[in-house]
N, C-alpha and C. Protein backbone atom coordinates (compact mmCIF):
# COMPACT_ATOMS: atom_id res chain seq x y z
N MET A 1 93.76 93.09 109.77
CA MET A 1 94.27 94.46 109.68
C MET A 1 93.10 95.40 109.35
N ASP A 2 93.11 96.56 109.95
CA ASP A 2 92.08 97.57 109.69
C ASP A 2 92.30 98.14 108.28
N GLU A 3 91.26 98.07 107.46
CA GLU A 3 91.38 98.51 106.07
C GLU A 3 90.89 99.94 105.86
N THR A 4 90.52 100.64 106.94
CA THR A 4 90.02 102.01 106.81
C THR A 4 91.02 102.89 106.10
N LEU A 5 92.28 102.82 106.50
CA LEU A 5 93.30 103.66 105.89
C LEU A 5 93.42 103.38 104.39
N GLY A 6 93.41 102.12 104.01
CA GLY A 6 93.51 101.77 102.60
C GLY A 6 92.34 102.28 101.78
N ARG A 7 91.14 102.12 102.32
CA ARG A 7 89.94 102.62 101.62
C ARG A 7 89.99 104.14 101.50
N SER A 8 90.40 104.79 102.58
CA SER A 8 90.49 106.26 102.56
C SER A 8 91.53 106.73 101.56
N LEU A 9 92.66 106.07 101.53
CA LEU A 9 93.72 106.43 100.59
C LEU A 9 93.20 106.33 99.16
N LYS A 10 92.54 105.24 98.84
CA LYS A 10 92.01 105.06 97.49
C LYS A 10 90.97 106.12 97.16
N LYS A 11 90.06 106.38 98.09
CA LYS A 11 89.01 107.37 97.88
C LYS A 11 89.60 108.76 97.61
N ILE A 12 90.56 109.17 98.42
CA ILE A 12 91.18 110.49 98.25
C ILE A 12 91.97 110.54 96.95
N ARG A 13 92.74 109.48 96.68
CA ARG A 13 93.53 109.42 95.45
C ARG A 13 92.64 109.56 94.22
N GLU A 14 91.56 108.80 94.20
CA GLU A 14 90.66 108.84 93.05
C GLU A 14 89.95 110.19 92.94
N SER A 15 89.64 110.81 94.08
CA SER A 15 88.97 112.12 94.03
C SER A 15 89.88 113.19 93.45
N LYS A 16 91.20 112.96 93.53
CA LYS A 16 92.17 113.89 92.96
C LYS A 16 92.51 113.54 91.51
N GLY A 17 91.93 112.45 91.01
CA GLY A 17 92.17 112.04 89.63
C GLY A 17 93.55 111.42 89.41
N LEU A 18 94.10 110.82 90.46
CA LEU A 18 95.44 110.24 90.36
C LEU A 18 95.38 108.72 90.25
N SER A 19 96.27 108.18 89.46
CA SER A 19 96.45 106.73 89.42
C SER A 19 97.38 106.35 90.57
N GLN A 20 97.47 105.06 90.85
CA GLN A 20 98.43 104.61 91.87
C GLN A 20 99.84 105.00 91.47
N LYS A 21 100.13 104.89 90.18
CA LYS A 21 101.46 105.24 89.68
C LYS A 21 101.74 106.73 89.89
N ASP A 22 100.75 107.58 89.60
CA ASP A 22 100.92 109.03 89.78
C ASP A 22 101.20 109.36 91.24
N LEU A 23 100.39 108.78 92.14
CA LEU A 23 100.58 109.04 93.57
C LEU A 23 101.92 108.54 94.05
N ALA A 24 102.28 107.35 93.65
CA ALA A 24 103.56 106.78 94.06
C ALA A 24 104.72 107.68 93.62
N SER A 25 104.66 108.14 92.41
CA SER A 25 105.71 109.01 91.88
C SER A 25 105.78 110.32 92.67
N ALA A 26 104.63 110.92 92.94
CA ALA A 26 104.59 112.19 93.68
C ALA A 26 105.07 112.03 95.11
N ALA A 27 104.86 110.84 95.69
CA ALA A 27 105.24 110.59 97.08
C ALA A 27 106.62 109.97 97.21
N GLY A 28 107.23 109.61 96.09
CA GLY A 28 108.55 108.98 96.15
C GLY A 28 108.49 107.54 96.64
N LEU A 29 107.41 106.85 96.26
CA LEU A 29 107.21 105.46 96.68
C LEU A 29 107.04 104.57 95.45
N ALA A 30 107.09 103.28 95.67
CA ALA A 30 106.81 102.32 94.59
C ALA A 30 105.29 102.19 94.42
N ARG A 31 104.82 101.98 93.20
CA ARG A 31 103.40 101.79 92.95
C ARG A 31 102.87 100.60 93.75
N GLU A 32 103.69 99.57 93.88
CA GLU A 32 103.28 98.39 94.63
C GLU A 32 103.00 98.72 96.10
N THR A 33 103.75 99.67 96.64
CA THR A 33 103.52 100.09 98.03
C THR A 33 102.14 100.71 98.17
N VAL A 34 101.79 101.61 97.26
CA VAL A 34 100.47 102.24 97.28
C VAL A 34 99.39 101.17 97.14
N SER A 35 99.56 100.25 96.23
CA SER A 35 98.59 99.18 96.02
C SER A 35 98.40 98.34 97.27
N ARG A 36 99.49 97.94 97.90
CA ARG A 36 99.41 97.09 99.10
C ARG A 36 98.74 97.81 100.26
N ILE A 37 98.99 99.10 100.38
CA ILE A 37 98.33 99.88 101.44
C ILE A 37 96.84 99.95 101.17
N GLU A 38 96.46 100.24 99.94
CA GLU A 38 95.04 100.33 99.59
C GLU A 38 94.31 99.00 99.80
N LEU A 39 94.98 97.91 99.55
CA LEU A 39 94.38 96.59 99.71
C LEU A 39 94.38 96.11 101.16
N GLY A 40 95.07 96.83 102.04
CA GLY A 40 95.14 96.43 103.44
C GLY A 40 96.16 95.34 103.70
N ILE A 41 97.04 95.10 102.74
CA ILE A 41 98.07 94.08 102.88
C ILE A 41 99.26 94.62 103.67
N ARG A 42 99.49 95.90 103.52
CA ARG A 42 100.63 96.54 104.17
C ARG A 42 100.15 97.75 104.95
N TYR A 43 100.65 97.89 106.18
CA TYR A 43 100.32 99.06 106.99
C TYR A 43 101.51 100.00 106.90
N PRO A 44 101.30 101.26 106.50
CA PRO A 44 102.43 102.17 106.26
C PRO A 44 103.08 102.69 107.54
N ARG A 45 104.37 102.95 107.44
CA ARG A 45 105.10 103.60 108.53
C ARG A 45 104.71 105.08 108.55
N THR A 46 105.03 105.74 109.62
CA THR A 46 104.68 107.16 109.78
C THR A 46 105.25 108.01 108.67
N ASP A 47 106.50 107.76 108.28
CA ASP A 47 107.11 108.57 107.22
C ASP A 47 106.41 108.35 105.88
N THR A 48 105.91 107.16 105.65
CA THR A 48 105.17 106.88 104.41
C THR A 48 103.84 107.62 104.41
N VAL A 49 103.17 107.65 105.55
CA VAL A 49 101.92 108.39 105.66
C VAL A 49 102.17 109.87 105.38
N ARG A 50 103.23 110.41 105.91
CA ARG A 50 103.57 111.82 105.67
C ARG A 50 103.79 112.09 104.18
N LYS A 51 104.50 111.20 103.51
CA LYS A 51 104.75 111.35 102.07
C LYS A 51 103.44 111.31 101.28
N LEU A 52 102.58 110.36 101.64
CA LEU A 52 101.30 110.23 100.94
C LEU A 52 100.45 111.47 101.17
N CYS A 53 100.39 111.94 102.40
CA CYS A 53 99.58 113.12 102.71
C CYS A 53 100.11 114.36 101.99
N SER A 54 101.41 114.50 101.94
CA SER A 54 102.01 115.63 101.23
C SER A 54 101.64 115.59 99.75
N ALA A 55 101.71 114.42 99.15
CA ALA A 55 101.39 114.27 97.73
C ALA A 55 99.90 114.49 97.45
N LEU A 56 99.06 114.14 98.42
CA LEU A 56 97.61 114.26 98.23
C LEU A 56 97.04 115.58 98.74
N GLY A 57 97.83 116.31 99.50
CA GLY A 57 97.34 117.56 100.08
C GLY A 57 96.27 117.31 101.13
N CYS A 58 96.46 116.28 101.94
CA CYS A 58 95.51 115.96 103.00
C CYS A 58 96.25 115.77 104.32
N SER A 59 95.51 115.57 105.38
CA SER A 59 96.13 115.34 106.69
C SER A 59 96.10 113.85 107.01
N PRO A 60 96.96 113.42 107.93
CA PRO A 60 96.89 112.02 108.37
C PRO A 60 95.51 111.64 108.90
N ASN A 61 94.84 112.58 109.57
CA ASN A 61 93.49 112.29 110.07
C ASN A 61 92.55 111.92 108.94
N ASP A 62 92.70 112.55 107.78
CA ASP A 62 91.87 112.21 106.63
C ASP A 62 92.01 110.74 106.27
N LEU A 63 93.23 110.22 106.37
CA LEU A 63 93.47 108.82 106.03
C LEU A 63 92.98 107.88 107.13
N TYR A 64 93.28 108.22 108.38
CA TYR A 64 92.95 107.33 109.48
C TYR A 64 91.47 107.35 109.86
N MET A 65 90.79 108.46 109.56
CA MET A 65 89.40 108.59 109.99
C MET A 65 88.39 108.40 108.85
N GLY A 66 88.87 107.97 107.71
CA GLY A 66 87.93 107.61 106.65
C GLY A 66 87.77 108.61 105.52
N GLY A 67 88.69 109.57 105.44
CA GLY A 67 88.73 110.50 104.33
C GLY A 67 87.56 111.40 104.28
């Protein structure tokens, strides 16, 4: 699985000073979901990407293209 999205998610999350728990709460997701995406274990559905981007104030391109 391509881990670019996971690395980008972690980089953007950390640059905003958010924990996985904080991001998960803001996006309406489980912390485990955020963790699995960052580790490249789980590839998010489109609606999950939208929720994450909304919570982070970024675009999907930021996640898919390396933040």
